[in-house]
Amino acid sequence: MLFINPAACGLFGVDCEDVLGEPFEHAIPAEGEPASYQLHLPDGLVSPLTATSIVSIWDGREATIIQLQPTMRPSVPPSMPPAMLGSRVSEDRLRTVGRLAAGLAHEVNNPLTFVLANLESLRESHQAIRRFIRTLRVELATQEAITPQSFERITADASLQEVIDDAADMLTDCHKGMHRIQDIARSLGTFSRADDNQAEMIDITRVVDDACAMVFNQIRYRARLVKRFEPVPMIAAFPGRIAQALVNLLTNAAEAIDSGAYDKHRIVVETRLEGDDLVVGVSDTGTGIHQDDRERIFTPGFTTKAHEGGMGLGLTACKRVAKEHGGRLEVHHLADGGTRFELVLPTDTGLTTIEHRRDSHPISEAPLKRLRILIVDDDAMVLSALRRRLRRRYDTVTVLGGVEALARLSEDPGFDSIVCDLMMPEIDGKSFYDAIEKEHPQLSKRIVFMSGGAFTPRLRRFAASVPNPVLQKPVSREDLESMFSAHGDEDESPSVVPEA
């Protein structure tokens, strides 16, 4: 056992710390097939439990999450006390996260497979090119001149043209694969912000796209995913909560369709504008909702999937999210089978957002002077990659972490721009900024922050309030150069690149 929560410890009647690392003494149920446990408690009573499992990833390895429920608890309580509802919300979120983690691991592993294979091949290509260069040097050392014929012979012996063509193809594939992983990471970042209390101006189409990326592995074997996105205005909203609601709707749509008939089924996701309302629709060609259940689908705790570990809270959460934004959740039962849910949001949600500066600065083709750049990150490989990317055009200095950065600046503050990661141990981005404002105030406006998206509440508030730009990792050289160009121009104040 790698983890056990207090509720499970209470059911088993054990101390959590005593059982970590110990074997699980009960049979592990197959995913989707509930098992029954008979727990013999110290007071002589027998407690029957129902166990369901979810295959997920823990510390990079496949693991199983086991969810326990007292067998005597009704799957559809007529009324649910707030305490029980809160507990089941937590259980439902655990189930959702476990299922999404397994699906996203599959989606990431596909591009990782061919990217790693291509990188190994590129390493061999690099060795082949080095052998060609050595052969060419030997020829130059032993002959007065190399004729076109001898050069062609050396090239043919090394299969140089084939090596170069293959390398170009592999680099293109690697680039596409990493963009797929980047999209998945972005969708995770959106979903992880469900508890944010600060609204933002968002592009709803992008949030919908992120939700589709998260659930795609559950859809791809059941139905064809069709996206119909019409131009819609940006709205003030909580992006994480919208994403969570859409993940629930998409998951329900996928689970309404039995696998094995992909060609016959579709899940259609659409965005459109209807008057003053923005509508996000999710429709499926599945089994639909039974007539007897239609009046109860928004009742907290109602579920037709109790045998699969369903909690009956997904649609309740979706309805709550719609209400938080001044909107509503509608359900339409399609005549030919299937269901369409529509999240209807007013274009003016009435939510207050933080104003972001969005002025952009044109990218300079060539700096007027060779700028000095300090890059601060706690990942040595990120530092190496950025140094290689920038060193031909800038005097680039890299330091590992905020402590080393402040020590370097105390001795040498002469930098035109500072690129600093937000999430670092010991001294994070906010602490670094506060120290710079105190010790080197002339440098505070020259800081460009980078973020991998994993904010703490403290850093999230800081990123929303600081006037400096915050670029989303992976950052491009073009985005960084627009910042450097602004800092290098003494006649203009630092500017902010539009948010990634």
Protein backbone atom coordinates (compact mmCIF):
# COMPACT_ATOMS: atom_id res chain seq x y z
CA MET A 1 0.00 0.00 0.00
CA LEU A 2 1.46 3.33 -1.14
CA PHE A 3 -1.26 5.62 0.17
CA ILE A 4 -4.35 5.26 2.39
CA ASN A 5 -6.59 8.12 3.40
CA PRO A 6 -8.05 8.64 6.90
CA ALA A 7 -11.51 7.45 5.84
CA ALA A 8 -10.10 4.11 4.67
CA CYS A 9 -8.06 3.81 7.87
CA GLY A 10 -11.27 4.28 9.82
CA LEU A 11 -13.05 1.56 7.85
CA PHE A 12 -10.18 -0.89 8.38
CA GLY A 13 -9.67 0.18 11.99
CA VAL A 14 -5.92 0.74 11.51
CA ASP A 15 -3.34 3.48 11.91
CA CYS A 16 -2.46 4.92 8.48
CA GLU A 17 1.28 5.06 9.12
CA ASP A 18 1.37 1.43 10.28
CA VAL A 19 0.09 -0.01 7.01
CA LEU A 20 2.03 2.02 4.43
CA GLY A 21 4.39 -0.30 2.60
CA GLU A 22 2.53 -3.38 3.79
CA PRO A 23 0.83 -5.90 1.43
CA PHE A 24 -2.87 -5.42 0.79
CA GLU A 25 -4.46 -8.51 2.29
CA HIS A 26 -7.63 -8.53 0.19
CA ALA A 27 -8.12 -9.50 -3.45
CA ILE A 28 -7.72 -6.56 -5.82
CA PRO A 29 -10.89 -6.22 -7.92
CA ALA A 30 -10.67 -5.94 -11.69
CA GLU A 31 -11.47 -2.48 -13.02
CA GLY A 32 -15.23 -2.09 -13.44
CA GLU A 33 -16.00 -5.30 -11.49
CA PRO A 34 -16.88 -4.59 -7.83
CA ALA A 35 -15.70 -6.99 -5.14
CA SER A 36 -16.99 -7.56 -1.59
CA TYR A 37 -14.79 -7.43 1.51
CA GLN A 38 -15.77 -8.74 4.94
CA LEU A 39 -13.86 -6.76 7.55
CA HIS A 40 -13.67 -8.25 11.05
CA LEU A 41 -13.49 -5.34 13.46
CA PRO A 42 -11.92 -5.46 16.95
CA ASP A 43 -15.36 -5.31 18.62
CA GLY A 44 -16.36 -8.61 16.98
CA LEU A 45 -18.61 -7.06 14.37
CA VAL A 46 -18.31 -7.78 10.65
CA SER A 47 -18.40 -4.81 8.29
CA PRO A 48 -19.27 -5.57 4.65
CA LEU A 49 -17.63 -3.26 2.10
CA THR A 50 -17.86 -2.94 -1.66
CA ALA A 51 -14.54 -2.28 -3.40
CA THR A 52 -14.07 -0.87 -6.90
CA SER A 53 -10.78 -0.12 -8.60
CA ILE A 54 -9.30 2.36 -11.06
CA VAL A 55 -6.01 1.71 -12.84
CA SER A 56 -3.86 4.83 -12.72
CA ILE A 57 -0.25 6.05 -12.51
CA TRP A 58 1.61 6.63 -9.21
CA ASP A 59 5.17 7.98 -9.23
CA GLY A 60 5.53 7.05 -12.89
CA ARG A 61 4.40 3.42 -12.46
CA GLU A 62 1.07 1.71 -13.02
CA ALA A 63 -0.92 1.40 -9.80
CA THR A 64 -4.47 0.67 -8.72
CA ILE A 65 -6.69 3.04 -6.74
CA ILE A 66 -9.18 1.07 -4.63
CA GLN A 67 -12.34 2.83 -3.53
CA LEU A 68 -14.26 1.42 -0.57
CA GLN A 69 -17.92 1.93 0.25
CA PRO A 70 -20.07 0.44 3.03
CA THR A 71 -22.29 -2.09 1.28
CA MET A 72 -25.33 -1.05 3.30
CA ARG A 73 -25.21 2.53 2.05
CA PRO A 74 -27.91 3.07 -0.63
CA SER A 75 -26.51 4.03 -4.00
CA VAL A 76 -29.23 6.69 -4.44
CA PRO A 77 -29.96 8.32 -1.08
CA PRO A 78 -33.29 10.15 -0.96
CA SER A 79 -31.58 13.07 0.74
CA MET A 80 -27.91 13.53 1.30
CA PRO A 81 -26.52 15.30 4.39
CA PRO A 82 -23.94 18.02 3.58
CA ALA A 83 -21.17 16.08 5.32
CA MET A 84 -21.79 12.99 3.20
CA LEU A 85 -22.08 15.12 0.05
CA GLY A 86 -18.70 16.72 0.73
CA SER A 87 -17.13 13.30 1.24
CA ARG A 88 -18.62 11.96 -1.98
CA VAL A 89 -17.50 15.05 -3.91
CA SER A 90 -13.92 14.27 -2.83
CA GLU A 91 -14.35 10.62 -3.81
CA ASP A 92 -15.83 11.61 -7.17
CA ARG A 93 -12.93 13.95 -7.87
CA LEU A 94 -10.45 11.19 -6.99
CA ARG A 95 -12.22 8.84 -9.37
CA THR A 96 -12.22 11.46 -12.15
CA VAL A 97 -8.57 12.35 -11.66
CA GLY A 98 -7.53 8.68 -11.59
CA ARG A 99 -9.40 7.93 -14.79
CA LEU A 100 -8.07 11.04 -16.55
CA ALA A 101 -4.53 10.29 -15.39
CA ALA A 102 -4.65 6.84 -16.95
CA GLY A 103 -6.04 8.23 -20.21
CA LEU A 104 -3.56 11.09 -20.39
CA ALA A 105 -0.67 8.74 -19.63
CA HIS A 106 -1.71 6.77 -22.70
CA GLU A 107 -1.97 9.93 -24.79
CA VAL A 108 1.48 11.12 -23.67
CA ASN A 109 3.09 7.71 -24.13
CA ASN A 110 2.19 7.62 -27.82
CA PRO A 111 4.23 10.69 -28.85
CA LEU A 112 6.89 9.82 -26.27
CA THR A 113 7.37 6.47 -27.98
CA PHE A 114 8.22 7.90 -31.38
CA VAL A 115 10.05 10.95 -30.02
CA LEU A 116 12.42 8.74 -27.97
CA ALA A 117 12.87 6.34 -30.89
CA ASN A 118 13.66 9.25 -33.20
CA LEU A 119 16.12 10.73 -30.72
CA GLU A 120 17.99 7.41 -30.59
CA SER A 121 18.10 7.37 -34.41
CA LEU A 122 19.26 10.99 -34.44
CA ARG A 123 22.10 10.04 -32.13
CA GLU A 124 23.15 7.41 -34.68
CA SER A 125 22.81 9.97 -37.47
CA HIS A 126 25.07 12.31 -35.54
CA GLN A 127 27.71 9.60 -35.28
CA ALA A 128 27.42 8.90 -39.02
CA ILE A 129 28.00 12.58 -39.83
CA ARG A 130 31.01 12.66 -37.49
CA ARG A 131 32.47 9.62 -39.27
CA PHE A 132 31.94 11.36 -42.62
CA ILE A 133 33.79 14.45 -41.37
CA ARG A 134 36.69 12.33 -40.08
CA THR A 135 36.95 10.54 -43.43
CA LEU A 136 36.90 13.88 -45.23
CA ARG A 137 39.71 15.18 -43.03
CA VAL A 138 41.81 12.10 -43.75
CA GLU A 139 41.29 12.62 -47.48
CA LEU A 140 42.30 16.26 -47.18
CA ALA A 141 45.42 15.32 -45.23
CA THR A 142 46.56 12.62 -47.66
CA GLN A 143 45.64 14.20 -50.99
CA GLU A 144 46.49 17.53 -52.56
CA ALA A 145 42.87 18.13 -53.52
CA ILE A 146 39.53 16.39 -53.33
CA THR A 147 37.85 16.00 -56.68
CA PRO A 148 34.08 16.09 -57.12
CA GLN A 149 34.24 12.37 -57.91
CA SER A 150 36.08 11.50 -54.69
CA PHE A 151 33.70 13.68 -52.67
CA GLU A 152 30.70 11.89 -54.19
CA ARG A 153 32.32 8.54 -53.36
CA ILE A 154 32.87 9.53 -49.71
CA THR A 155 29.33 10.87 -49.51
CA ALA A 156 27.87 7.70 -51.00
CA ASP A 157 29.92 5.45 -48.70
CA ALA A 158 28.54 7.35 -45.69
CA SER A 159 24.95 7.42 -47.10
CA LEU A 160 25.11 11.08 -46.18
CA GLN A 161 22.10 12.28 -48.17
CA GLU A 162 19.91 9.54 -46.71
CA VAL A 163 21.12 10.34 -43.19
CA ILE A 164 20.35 14.06 -43.65
CA ASP A 165 16.90 13.42 -45.16
CA ASP A 166 15.99 10.98 -42.39
CA ALA A 167 17.21 13.41 -39.74
CA ALA A 168 15.03 16.19 -41.17
CA ASP A 169 11.97 13.90 -41.12
CA MET A 170 12.68 12.74 -37.57
CA LEU A 171 13.12 16.30 -36.31
CA THR A 172 9.78 17.25 -37.87
CA ASP A 173 8.07 14.29 -36.18
CA CYS A 174 9.71 15.10 -32.83
CA HIS A 175 8.50 18.68 -33.11
CA LYS A 176 4.91 17.53 -33.77
CA GLY A 177 5.09 14.98 -30.95
CA MET A 178 6.28 17.52 -28.42
CA HIS A 179 3.50 19.89 -29.47
CA ARG A 180 1.01 17.10 -28.74
CA ILE A 181 2.50 16.70 -25.28
CA GLN A 182 2.45 20.48 -24.84
CA ASP A 183 -1.29 20.54 -25.63
CA ILE A 184 -1.92 17.81 -23.05
CA ALA A 185 0.12 19.68 -20.43
CA ARG A 186 -1.85 22.85 -21.19
CA SER A 187 -5.16 21.02 -20.76
CA LEU A 188 -3.98 19.64 -17.41
CA GLY A 189 -3.04 23.15 -16.32
CA THR A 190 -6.53 24.40 -17.16
CA PHE A 191 -8.26 21.51 -15.36
CA SER A 192 -6.07 21.85 -12.26
CA ARG A 193 -7.38 25.38 -11.61
CA ALA A 194 -10.90 24.29 -10.69
CA ASP A 195 -10.52 25.77 -7.20
CA ASP A 196 -9.37 29.21 -8.37
CA ASN A 197 -11.47 32.06 -7.03
CA GLN A 198 -10.22 34.66 -9.52
CA ALA A 199 -12.11 35.00 -12.79
CA GLU A 200 -10.29 35.70 -16.06
CA MET A 201 -11.18 36.79 -19.55
CA ILE A 202 -11.06 33.48 -21.40
CA ASP A 203 -11.42 32.12 -24.91
CA ILE A 204 -14.10 29.48 -24.28
CA THR A 205 -13.13 27.62 -27.47
CA ARG A 206 -9.65 27.00 -26.10
CA VAL A 207 -11.05 25.71 -22.80
CA VAL A 208 -13.37 23.38 -24.71
CA ASP A 209 -10.42 22.16 -26.75
CA ASP A 210 -8.46 21.50 -23.54
CA ALA A 211 -11.35 19.46 -22.11
CA CYS A 212 -11.55 17.43 -25.34
CA ALA A 213 -7.82 16.68 -25.11
CA MET A 214 -8.23 15.37 -21.57
CA VAL A 215 -11.12 13.01 -22.38
CA PHE A 216 -10.09 12.01 -25.90
CA ASN A 217 -8.62 8.68 -24.83
CA GLN A 218 -12.04 7.67 -23.45
CA ILE A 219 -13.79 8.79 -26.64
CA ARG A 220 -11.46 7.57 -29.37
CA TYR A 221 -12.45 3.89 -29.15
CA ARG A 222 -16.20 4.53 -28.89
CA ALA A 223 -17.05 7.34 -31.28
CA ARG A 224 -15.75 9.95 -33.68
CA LEU A 225 -15.18 13.31 -32.00
CA VAL A 226 -16.54 16.18 -34.09
CA LYS A 227 -15.76 19.81 -33.22
CA ARG A 228 -17.91 22.64 -34.56
CA PHE A 229 -16.53 25.89 -33.23
CA GLU A 230 -18.10 29.16 -34.32
CA PRO A 231 -16.46 32.52 -33.50
CA VAL A 232 -17.53 33.60 -30.02
CA PRO A 233 -16.45 36.53 -27.81
CA MET A 234 -14.22 36.18 -24.78
CA ILE A 235 -16.05 36.08 -21.46
CA ALA A 236 -15.19 36.55 -17.79
CA ALA A 237 -15.13 33.08 -16.24
CA PHE A 238 -13.34 30.58 -14.01
CA PRO A 239 -11.47 28.53 -16.66
CA GLY A 240 -10.73 25.54 -14.41
CA ARG A 241 -14.35 25.15 -13.35
CA ILE A 242 -15.61 25.43 -16.94
CA ALA A 243 -13.05 22.79 -17.97
CA GLN A 244 -14.12 20.50 -15.14
CA ALA A 245 -17.79 20.80 -16.15
CA LEU A 246 -16.97 20.03 -19.78
CA VAL A 247 -14.85 17.03 -18.77
CA ASN A 248 -17.87 15.68 -16.88
CA LEU A 249 -20.17 16.21 -19.87
CA LEU A 250 -17.72 14.64 -22.31
CA THR A 251 -17.11 11.68 -19.99
CA ASN A 252 -20.84 11.09 -19.67
CA ALA A 253 -21.18 11.24 -23.45
CA ALA A 254 -18.41 8.68 -23.89
CA GLU A 255 -19.83 6.33 -21.26
CA ALA A 256 -23.26 6.44 -22.93
CA ILE A 257 -21.75 4.70 -25.96
CA ASP A 258 -20.68 1.06 -25.89
CA SER A 259 -17.29 0.36 -27.45
CA GLY A 260 -17.04 -1.73 -30.57
CA ALA A 261 -19.14 0.36 -32.95
CA TYR A 262 -16.90 3.36 -33.56
CA ASP A 263 -18.13 3.96 -37.13
CA LYS A 264 -21.75 4.29 -36.00
CA HIS A 265 -21.31 6.84 -33.24
CA ARG A 266 -20.35 10.48 -32.90
CA ILE A 267 -19.79 12.91 -30.07
CA VAL A 268 -20.27 16.47 -31.29
CA VAL A 269 -18.85 19.43 -29.39
CA GLU A 270 -19.90 22.88 -30.53
CA THR A 271 -19.67 26.51 -29.54
CA ARG A 272 -22.03 29.15 -30.86
CA LEU A 273 -23.54 32.51 -30.03
CA GLU A 274 -27.30 32.85 -29.48
CA GLY A 275 -28.22 36.46 -28.84
CA ASP A 276 -26.50 37.47 -25.60
CA ASP A 277 -25.69 33.88 -24.65
CA LEU A 278 -22.68 31.74 -25.45
CA VAL A 279 -23.63 28.08 -25.84
CA VAL A 280 -21.34 25.06 -25.49
CA GLY A 281 -23.08 21.89 -26.64
CA VAL A 282 -22.06 18.27 -26.11
CA SER A 283 -24.19 15.69 -27.89
CA ASP A 284 -23.83 11.94 -28.34
CA THR A 285 -25.45 9.12 -30.25
CA GLY A 286 -25.50 6.81 -27.25
CA THR A 287 -28.29 5.01 -25.42
CA GLY A 288 -29.87 8.17 -24.08
CA ILE A 289 -31.41 8.69 -20.65
CA HIS A 290 -34.24 6.36 -19.68
CA GLN A 291 -37.64 8.04 -19.35
CA ASP A 292 -37.91 7.05 -15.67
CA ASP A 293 -34.57 8.69 -14.82
CA ARG A 294 -34.93 12.03 -16.60
CA GLU A 295 -36.44 13.87 -13.64
CA ARG A 296 -33.64 12.75 -11.30
CA ILE A 297 -30.43 13.28 -13.29
CA PHE A 298 -29.60 16.53 -11.48
CA THR A 299 -30.33 15.07 -8.01
CA PRO A 300 -27.07 14.87 -5.99
CA GLY A 301 -26.14 11.22 -5.58
CA PHE A 302 -28.35 9.85 -8.34
CA THR A 303 -26.44 7.52 -10.63
CA THR A 304 -27.13 4.62 -12.95
CA LYS A 305 -23.49 3.58 -12.72
CA ALA A 306 -23.14 2.69 -9.04
CA HIS A 307 -21.75 -0.72 -10.04
CA GLU A 308 -18.94 1.12 -11.86
CA GLY A 309 -18.12 3.39 -8.94
CA GLY A 310 -20.31 6.27 -10.11
CA MET A 311 -21.10 8.92 -7.49
CA GLY A 312 -23.91 10.78 -9.25
CA LEU A 313 -22.31 14.19 -8.73
CA GLY A 314 -21.03 15.06 -12.22
CA LEU A 315 -24.17 16.75 -13.55
CA THR A 316 -24.76 18.41 -10.20
CA ALA A 317 -21.29 19.96 -10.45
CA CYS A 318 -21.94 21.05 -14.05
CA LYS A 319 -25.19 22.75 -13.03
CA ARG A 320 -23.42 24.51 -10.16
CA VAL A 321 -20.68 25.80 -12.50
CA ALA A 322 -23.30 27.16 -14.91
CA LYS A 323 -25.08 28.95 -12.05
CA GLU A 324 -21.79 30.46 -10.78
CA HIS A 325 -21.43 32.11 -14.18
CA GLY A 326 -25.02 33.36 -14.31
CA GLY A 327 -25.99 30.66 -16.79
CA ARG A 328 -27.80 27.34 -16.92
CA LEU A 329 -27.36 23.73 -17.96
CA GLU A 330 -29.93 22.34 -20.36
CA VAL A 331 -30.60 18.75 -21.40
CA HIS A 332 -32.21 17.77 -24.69
CA HIS A 333 -33.30 14.20 -25.42
CA LEU A 334 -32.72 13.51 -29.10
CA ALA A 335 -35.43 11.85 -31.16
CA ASP A 336 -33.10 9.30 -32.75
CA GLY A 337 -31.47 8.37 -29.44
CA GLY A 338 -28.68 10.05 -27.56
CA THR A 339 -28.55 13.23 -25.51
CA ARG A 340 -27.39 16.80 -25.94
CA PHE A 341 -26.32 18.89 -22.95
CA GLU A 342 -25.88 22.62 -23.42
CA LEU A 343 -23.92 24.86 -21.11
CA VAL A 344 -25.52 28.28 -21.66
CA LEU A 345 -23.48 31.22 -20.37
CA PRO A 346 -24.24 34.93 -20.72
CA THR A 347 -21.60 36.89 -22.58
CA ASP A 348 -21.69 39.26 -19.59
CA THR A 349 -21.28 36.91 -16.63
CA GLY A 350 -20.92 39.80 -14.18
CA LEU A 351 -17.67 38.36 -12.81
CA THR A 352 -14.80 40.69 -11.97
CA THR A 353 -11.48 39.98 -13.64
CA ILE A 354 -7.95 41.21 -13.16
CA GLU A 355 -6.87 43.52 -15.93
CA HIS A 356 -3.78 42.29 -17.78
CA ARG A 357 -1.52 44.50 -19.85
CA ARG A 358 -1.46 43.11 -23.35
CA ASP A 359 0.78 45.51 -25.26
CA SER A 360 3.18 43.68 -27.50
CA HIS A 361 6.56 44.79 -28.74
CA PRO A 362 7.72 43.99 -32.27
CA ILE A 363 10.45 41.38 -32.43
CA SER A 364 13.78 42.90 -33.35
CA GLU A 365 15.53 41.19 -36.23
CA ALA A 366 18.90 42.03 -34.70
CA PRO A 367 19.58 43.73 -31.36
CA LEU A 368 21.26 47.11 -31.61
CA LYS A 369 23.73 45.86 -29.02
CA ARG A 370 24.66 42.48 -27.64
CA LEU A 371 22.50 42.32 -24.53
CA ARG A 372 23.46 40.56 -21.31
CA ILE A 373 20.83 38.07 -20.14
CA LEU A 374 20.58 36.30 -16.77
CA ILE A 375 18.50 33.10 -16.75
CA VAL A 376 17.35 31.67 -13.40
CA ASP A 377 15.80 28.21 -13.08
CA ASP A 378 16.05 25.23 -10.75
CA ASP A 379 16.31 22.74 -13.64
CA ALA A 380 19.81 22.42 -15.08
CA MET A 381 18.57 21.01 -18.39
CA VAL A 382 16.21 23.95 -18.92
CA LEU A 383 19.14 26.27 -18.32
CA SER A 384 21.35 24.39 -20.78
CA ALA A 385 18.68 24.42 -23.47
CA LEU A 386 17.96 28.14 -23.14
CA ARG A 387 21.68 28.97 -23.08
CA ARG A 388 22.26 27.04 -26.32
CA ARG A 389 19.20 28.71 -27.87
CA LEU A 390 20.25 32.27 -27.03
CA ARG A 391 24.04 32.39 -26.78
CA ARG A 392 24.66 33.19 -30.44
CA ARG A 393 22.84 36.51 -30.15
CA TYR A 394 23.17 37.38 -26.46
CA ASP A 395 25.73 37.23 -23.68
CA THR A 396 23.90 34.61 -21.64
CA VAL A 397 24.59 33.75 -18.00
CA THR A 398 22.68 30.92 -16.29
CA VAL A 399 22.35 30.29 -12.56
CA LEU A 400 20.73 27.38 -10.74
CA GLY A 401 18.03 28.69 -8.40
CA GLY A 402 17.15 31.96 -6.70
CA VAL A 403 19.85 31.81 -4.02
CA GLU A 404 22.64 31.63 -6.58
CA ALA A 405 20.96 34.32 -8.70
CA LEU A 406 20.83 36.84 -5.83
CA ALA A 407 24.46 36.08 -4.97
CA ARG A 408 25.48 36.68 -8.60
CA LEU A 409 23.54 39.95 -8.82
CA SER A 410 25.10 41.25 -5.61
CA GLU A 411 28.47 41.05 -7.37
CA ASP A 412 27.39 41.77 -10.94
CA PRO A 413 24.05 43.57 -11.45
CA GLY A 414 24.84 44.64 -15.02
CA PHE A 415 22.16 42.68 -16.91
CA ASP A 416 19.75 44.00 -19.52
CA SER A 417 17.12 41.31 -18.88
CA ILE A 418 16.48 38.61 -16.30
CA VAL A 419 14.50 35.47 -17.12
CA CYS A 420 13.30 33.79 -13.91
CA ASP A 421 11.24 30.68 -13.20
CA LEU A 422 8.32 31.22 -10.82
CA MET A 423 8.29 27.85 -9.05
CA MET A 424 11.66 27.24 -7.36
CA PRO A 425 12.70 25.85 -3.97
CA GLU A 426 14.14 28.09 -1.24
CA ILE A 427 13.63 31.36 -3.12
CA ASP A 428 10.73 31.34 -5.56
CA GLY A 429 9.84 33.97 -8.16
CA LYS A 430 7.99 36.25 -5.75
CA SER A 431 10.76 36.19 -3.14
CA PHE A 432 13.31 36.83 -5.89
CA TYR A 433 11.27 39.79 -7.19
CA ASP A 434 10.86 41.26 -3.69
CA ALA A 435 14.62 41.00 -3.09
CA ILE A 436 15.41 42.65 -6.44
CA GLU A 437 13.01 45.52 -5.74
CA LYS A 438 14.80 46.13 -2.47
CA GLU A 439 18.42 45.62 -3.52
CA HIS A 440 18.40 46.46 -7.26
CA PRO A 441 15.17 48.38 -8.02
CA GLN A 442 16.42 49.34 -11.49
CA LEU A 443 16.30 45.65 -12.46
CA SER A 444 12.79 44.80 -11.24
CA LYS A 445 11.12 45.94 -14.48
CA ARG A 446 13.57 43.87 -16.52
CA ILE A 447 12.43 40.53 -15.08
CA VAL A 448 10.55 38.13 -17.35
CA PHE A 449 8.94 35.24 -15.47
CA MET A 450 8.47 31.70 -16.77
CA SER A 451 5.91 29.26 -15.44
CA GLY A 452 5.21 25.58 -15.97
CA GLY A 453 1.64 26.21 -14.79
CA ALA A 454 1.91 24.55 -11.34
CA PHE A 455 1.13 27.61 -9.22
CA THR A 456 0.70 27.72 -5.48
CA PRO A 457 -2.09 30.10 -4.39
CA ARG A 458 0.59 32.57 -3.27
CA LEU A 459 2.34 32.55 -6.64
CA ARG A 460 -0.94 32.63 -8.52
CA ARG A 461 -1.88 35.87 -6.77
CA PHE A 462 1.58 37.25 -7.45
CA ALA A 463 1.49 36.35 -11.16
CA ALA A 464 -1.90 38.01 -11.52
CA SER A 465 -0.78 41.26 -9.87
CA VAL A 466 2.82 41.75 -10.97
CA PRO A 467 3.26 44.10 -13.99
CA ASN A 468 6.02 41.91 -15.43
CA PRO A 469 5.23 39.38 -18.17
CA VAL A 470 4.68 35.72 -17.22
CA LEU A 471 5.43 33.39 -20.13
CA GLN A 472 4.10 29.84 -20.19
CA LYS A 473 6.65 27.06 -20.54
CA PRO A 474 7.85 25.91 -22.97
CA VAL A 475 8.85 29.43 -23.96
CA SER A 476 9.84 30.27 -27.51
CA ARG A 477 12.88 32.29 -28.46
CA GLU A 478 10.59 34.76 -30.24
CA ASP A 479 8.66 35.53 -27.04
CA LEU A 480 11.88 36.00 -25.09
CA GLU A 481 13.43 38.18 -27.78
CA SER A 482 10.42 40.50 -27.79
CA MET A 483 11.07 41.01 -24.07
CA PHE A 484 14.79 41.55 -24.56
CA SER A 485 14.15 44.03 -27.33
CA ALA A 486 11.86 46.04 -25.06
CA HIS A 487 14.40 46.03 -22.23
CA GLY A 488 17.21 46.99 -24.57
CA ASP A 489 15.38 50.07 -25.83
CA GLU A 490 16.02 52.88 -23.35
CA ASP A 491 13.29 55.03 -24.86
CA GLU A 492 10.50 52.56 -24.21
CA SER A 493 9.18 51.02 -21.03
CA PRO A 494 9.06 47.25 -20.64
CA SER A 495 6.07 45.68 -22.36
CA VAL A 496 4.09 42.53 -21.89
CA VAL A 497 3.58 39.75 -24.41
CA PRO A 498 -0.01 38.48 -24.71
CA GLU A 499 -0.58 35.57 -22.36
CA ALA A 500 0.14 32.14 -23.78
